[in-house]
Structures are given as C-alpha cells and as structure tokens.
Amino acid sequence: MTCIDCQERPAWARERCSTCYHKAVRRGTIQIRSGTRQCSVPGCISGMPLRHGLCDMHYARWRRYGTTDEHRPTRVICTVEGCACDAPFRRGMCNLHYTRWAREQKKIGV
C-alpha cells in the first residue's frame, strides 16, 4: 500500500508515509487520535515515543535543564575573585583557574 498523498513511499499511518503524516499533523489536516498518547507540553504535536508524558525533545530538555521551556544557557563569569573570564566552566571556574585548582588538588592527594 502506498501513501495517499505522495503516491511514492509505503504507507505508515492513516494511509500516509511518515513524512506526509507528520506534515499533515503540523498543518492540522489530520488530528492525532484522542486515544493515543501525546506530549503533555501545550502546543507540542510530536507523535514520538513518550517518557514521563513528554516527547523525546521535551524529555531531553527536562533532563538537561530541569524545565521543558526552550532554554538557552547563559554564561557566568568565573567565581575566582578578580577574574572576569566567561570561558567554559567546571566547578564555577574558568579553565585557567580550574586547571590550577585541579593541579593543587593532585599535589595534596585529594
């Protein structure tokens, strides 16, 4: 059975291939059936497998940032007094100060 929209690929869901099915859901020409589970985030139309009531994208955001909102991490300046570096951090320090701290920890055997 081929897709009723593109007539090229094999049918996957509701007589449509995966690409045409997802396009139709986004356009709103077909509705996700009420009996099926969908992401609990308002406005999300993902039909992907769910964990904790979330689609893969929102689940990953929840795991990484603790929220499903679109998150753009902000840079924080180094916590070492007098340093205004905004490079990538470990333990709240810039790479220079983290490296110095780690070297000292290694010397004292921690």
Protein backbone atom coordinates (compact mmCIF):
# COMPACT_ATOMS: atom_id res chain seq x y z
CA MET A 1 0.00 0.00 0.00
CA THR A 2 1.43 3.40 -0.95
CA CYS A 3 0.93 6.83 0.58
CA ILE A 4 -2.31 8.57 -0.45
CA ASP A 5 -0.56 11.98 -0.56
CA CYS A 6 2.75 11.45 -2.37
CA GLN A 7 1.92 8.11 -4.06
CA GLU A 8 5.59 7.10 -3.75
CA ARG A 9 6.57 5.69 -0.35
CA PRO A 10 4.91 2.87 1.59
CA ALA A 11 2.04 3.87 3.87
CA TRP A 12 2.90 4.13 7.54
CA ALA A 13 -0.03 5.65 9.45
CA ARG A 14 -3.53 6.60 8.30
CA GLU A 15 -2.57 5.56 4.76
CA ARG A 16 0.32 8.08 4.65
CA CYS A 17 4.09 7.72 4.67
CA SER A 18 5.93 9.08 7.70
CA THR A 19 6.84 12.38 6.01
CA CYS A 20 3.33 13.10 4.72
CA TYR A 21 1.73 12.03 8.01
CA HIS A 22 3.86 14.46 10.08
CA LYS A 23 3.27 17.28 7.56
CA ALA A 24 -0.49 16.70 7.77
CA VAL A 25 -0.39 16.76 11.58
CA ARG A 26 1.60 20.04 11.56
CA ARG A 27 -0.82 21.60 9.05
CA GLY A 28 -3.77 20.41 11.12
CA THR A 29 -5.42 18.49 8.28
CA ILE A 30 -5.48 15.39 10.46
CA GLN A 31 -5.77 15.23 14.23
CA ILE A 32 -3.90 12.85 16.47
CA ARG A 33 -6.49 10.44 17.78
CA SER A 34 -7.66 11.19 21.30
CA GLY A 35 -6.93 7.63 22.41
CA THR A 36 -3.24 7.95 21.61
CA ARG A 37 -0.77 9.48 23.99
CA GLN A 38 0.93 12.69 23.06
CA CYS A 39 3.36 15.07 24.71
CA SER A 40 1.91 16.87 27.73
CA VAL A 41 3.60 20.18 26.82
CA PRO A 42 0.96 22.57 25.40
CA GLY A 43 1.38 23.09 21.66
CA CYS A 44 3.64 20.06 21.09
CA ILE A 45 2.33 17.78 18.34
CA SER A 46 5.06 15.17 18.46
CA GLY A 47 3.96 11.62 17.92
CA MET A 48 7.26 10.21 19.15
CA PRO A 49 7.60 7.58 21.91
CA LEU A 50 6.99 9.13 25.32
CA ARG A 51 8.68 9.10 28.70
CA HIS A 52 7.06 10.69 31.72
CA GLY A 53 4.38 12.13 29.43
CA LEU A 54 6.95 14.01 27.30
CA CYS A 55 8.21 13.59 23.75
CA ASP A 56 11.94 12.94 23.24
CA MET A 57 12.80 16.62 22.73
CA HIS A 58 10.94 17.87 25.83
CA TYR A 59 12.21 14.92 27.90
CA ALA A 60 15.80 15.81 26.96
CA ARG A 61 15.22 19.46 27.93
CA TRP A 62 13.67 18.37 31.22
CA ARG A 63 16.64 16.09 32.00
CA ARG A 64 19.27 18.65 30.99
CA TYR A 65 17.78 21.91 32.34
CA GLY A 66 15.01 20.83 34.72
CA THR A 67 12.34 22.54 32.61
CA THR A 68 10.64 21.87 29.27
CA ASP A 69 10.85 25.54 28.25
CA GLU A 70 13.22 26.42 25.45
CA HIS A 71 16.44 27.03 27.30
CA ARG A 72 19.45 28.99 26.25
CA PRO A 73 22.19 28.62 28.85
CA THR A 74 23.75 31.90 29.90
CA ARG A 75 27.43 32.29 30.60
CA VAL A 76 28.50 33.13 34.09
CA ILE A 77 31.75 34.81 34.99
CA CYS A 78 34.41 32.91 36.93
CA THR A 79 33.86 32.69 40.70
CA VAL A 80 37.53 33.41 41.47
CA GLU A 81 37.84 36.91 42.90
CA GLY A 82 39.18 39.39 40.36
CA CYS A 83 38.64 37.15 37.31
CA ALA A 84 36.10 38.33 34.73
CA CYS A 85 36.63 35.45 32.30
CA ASP A 86 33.48 33.96 30.75
CA ALA A 87 35.03 30.83 29.26
CA PRO A 88 33.53 27.33 29.69
CA PHE A 89 33.34 26.30 33.33
CA ARG A 90 33.93 23.47 35.72
CA ARG A 91 33.08 23.93 39.38
CA GLY A 92 32.23 27.58 38.68
CA MET A 93 35.72 28.45 37.46
CA CYS A 94 37.18 29.32 34.09
CA ASN A 95 39.52 26.77 32.52
CA LEU A 96 42.63 28.58 33.80
CA HIS A 97 41.52 28.62 37.43
CA TYR A 98 40.03 25.12 37.28
CA THR A 99 43.33 23.76 35.92
CA ARG A 100 45.27 25.48 38.71
CA TRP A 101 42.81 24.19 41.32
CA ALA A 102 42.94 20.63 39.95
CA ARG A 103 46.75 20.68 39.91
CA GLU A 104 46.81 21.75 43.57
CA GLN A 105 44.32 19.04 44.49
CA LYS A 106 46.52 16.47 42.79
CA LYS A 107 49.60 17.69 44.70
CA ILE A 108 47.93 17.36 48.08
CA GLY A 109 46.48 13.96 47.15
CA VAL A 110 42.77 14.64 47.23
